[in-house]
Amino acid sequence: EAGDTEFIRVIKSIFVLRLLSRNLGLSPLLTVYYAFVHSHLSYGILLWGTHSYISKLFVLQKRAVRIIDGAPGRCHCKPLFIKHGILTLPSVYILLCLMYLCQN
């Protein structure tokens, strides 16, 4: 199932992000996030964006943003998303739905 595959890929990508966070600064970490985490989160989101896995993937996205910022695991994420200019997973889904409607 698409949700399972993306879930596993995002977990692996977060592991890589965590390893790299020890040696990289903010800008390279954001690049790694968009290359490995965001790409998996947004791939095919128009098809599975309302699936039950979306909440689990959103939790993983929050974990990735905390790693990028160096924030503790229980830190509130909304300010971190704003600080780094990262759209939340529900926001990405809404944006891509609107873009699809405008194009078609």
Protein backbone atom coordinates (compact mmCIF):
# COMPACT_ATOMS: atom_id res chain seq x y z
CA GLU A 1 0.00 0.00 0.00
CA ALA A 2 1.25 3.50 -0.80
CA GLY A 3 0.93 4.75 2.78
CA ASP A 4 3.06 1.92 4.18
CA THR A 5 5.80 2.49 1.63
CA GLU A 6 5.95 6.24 2.20
CA PHE A 7 5.87 5.74 5.97
CA ILE A 8 8.91 3.46 5.89
CA ARG A 9 10.79 5.75 3.51
CA VAL A 10 10.14 8.79 5.69
CA ILE A 11 11.35 6.92 8.79
CA LYS A 12 14.58 6.02 6.99
CA SER A 13 14.98 9.59 5.78
CA ILE A 14 14.53 10.94 9.31
CA PHE A 15 17.23 8.57 10.50
CA VAL A 16 19.60 10.01 7.88
CA LEU A 17 18.56 13.55 8.83
CA ARG A 18 19.30 12.80 12.50
CA LEU A 19 22.77 11.48 11.64
CA LEU A 20 23.57 14.47 9.45
CA SER A 21 22.27 16.98 12.01
CA ARG A 22 25.35 16.33 14.14
CA ASN A 23 27.67 17.74 11.47
CA LEU A 24 25.63 20.02 9.20
CA GLY A 25 24.24 23.51 9.66
CA LEU A 26 20.70 24.72 9.10
CA SER A 27 20.83 25.38 5.35
CA PRO A 28 22.20 21.93 4.39
CA LEU A 29 19.73 20.25 6.76
CA LEU A 30 16.84 22.04 5.06
CA THR A 31 18.16 20.84 1.70
CA VAL A 32 18.33 17.26 3.01
CA TYR A 33 14.80 17.64 4.42
CA TYR A 34 13.37 18.74 1.09
CA ALA A 35 15.31 16.08 -0.81
CA PHE A 36 14.54 13.09 1.38
CA VAL A 37 11.58 13.81 3.66
CA HIS A 38 9.40 16.36 1.86
CA SER A 39 9.72 14.56 -1.47
CA HIS A 40 8.31 11.36 0.05
CA LEU A 41 5.59 13.22 1.92
CA SER A 42 4.35 15.07 -1.13
CA TYR A 43 4.67 12.23 -3.66
CA GLY A 44 1.17 11.17 -4.69
CA ILE A 45 -0.43 13.11 -1.86
CA LEU A 46 -3.40 14.01 -4.06
CA LEU A 47 -4.29 10.31 -4.18
CA TRP A 48 -3.66 9.30 -0.57
CA GLY A 49 -3.89 12.66 1.23
CA THR A 50 -7.06 11.71 3.10
CA HIS A 51 -5.82 8.25 4.13
CA SER A 52 -5.44 7.39 7.81
CA TYR A 53 -1.64 7.35 7.40
CA ILE A 54 -1.61 11.12 6.98
CA SER A 55 -1.67 11.69 10.75
CA LYS A 56 1.25 9.29 11.30
CA LEU A 57 3.20 10.96 8.50
CA PHE A 58 2.46 14.37 10.00
CA VAL A 59 3.96 13.19 13.30
CA LEU A 60 7.08 12.13 11.40
CA GLN A 61 7.23 15.50 9.65
CA LYS A 62 7.12 17.23 13.04
CA ARG A 63 9.96 14.99 14.23
CA ALA A 64 12.02 16.00 11.19
CA VAL A 65 11.40 19.71 11.83
CA ARG A 66 12.49 19.30 15.45
CA ILE A 67 15.68 17.59 14.30
CA ILE A 68 16.42 20.41 11.85
CA ASP A 69 15.95 23.02 14.57
CA GLY A 70 17.69 21.03 17.30
CA ALA A 71 14.55 21.34 19.43
CA PRO A 72 13.60 18.86 22.15
CA GLY A 73 11.27 16.00 21.26
CA ARG A 74 8.23 17.43 23.05
CA CYS A 75 8.63 20.99 21.72
CA HIS A 76 5.62 22.66 20.07
CA CYS A 77 6.18 22.58 16.30
CA LYS A 78 4.03 25.36 14.89
CA PRO A 79 6.66 28.07 15.60
CA LEU A 80 9.34 25.83 14.06
CA PHE A 81 7.36 25.38 10.83
CA ILE A 82 6.92 29.15 10.63
CA LYS A 83 10.55 29.88 11.52
CA HIS A 84 11.91 27.63 8.77
CA GLY A 85 9.19 28.35 6.20
CA ILE A 86 8.09 24.72 5.94
CA LEU A 87 4.49 23.90 5.08
CA THR A 88 2.78 21.32 7.27
CA LEU A 89 1.61 18.13 5.58
CA PRO A 90 -2.08 19.14 5.66
CA SER A 91 -1.10 22.50 4.15
CA VAL A 92 0.87 20.76 1.39
CA TYR A 93 -2.19 18.63 0.61
CA ILE A 94 -4.46 21.68 0.41
CA LEU A 95 -1.95 23.61 -1.70
CA LEU A 96 -1.51 20.76 -4.20
CA CYS A 97 -5.29 20.25 -4.41
CA LEU A 98 -5.75 23.95 -5.20
CA MET A 99 -2.95 23.88 -7.76
CA TYR A 100 -4.56 20.84 -9.41
CA LEU A 101 -7.92 22.62 -9.57
CA CYS A 102 -6.36 25.73 -11.09
CA GLN A 103 -4.53 23.70 -13.74
CA ASN A 104 -7.55 21.63 -14.68
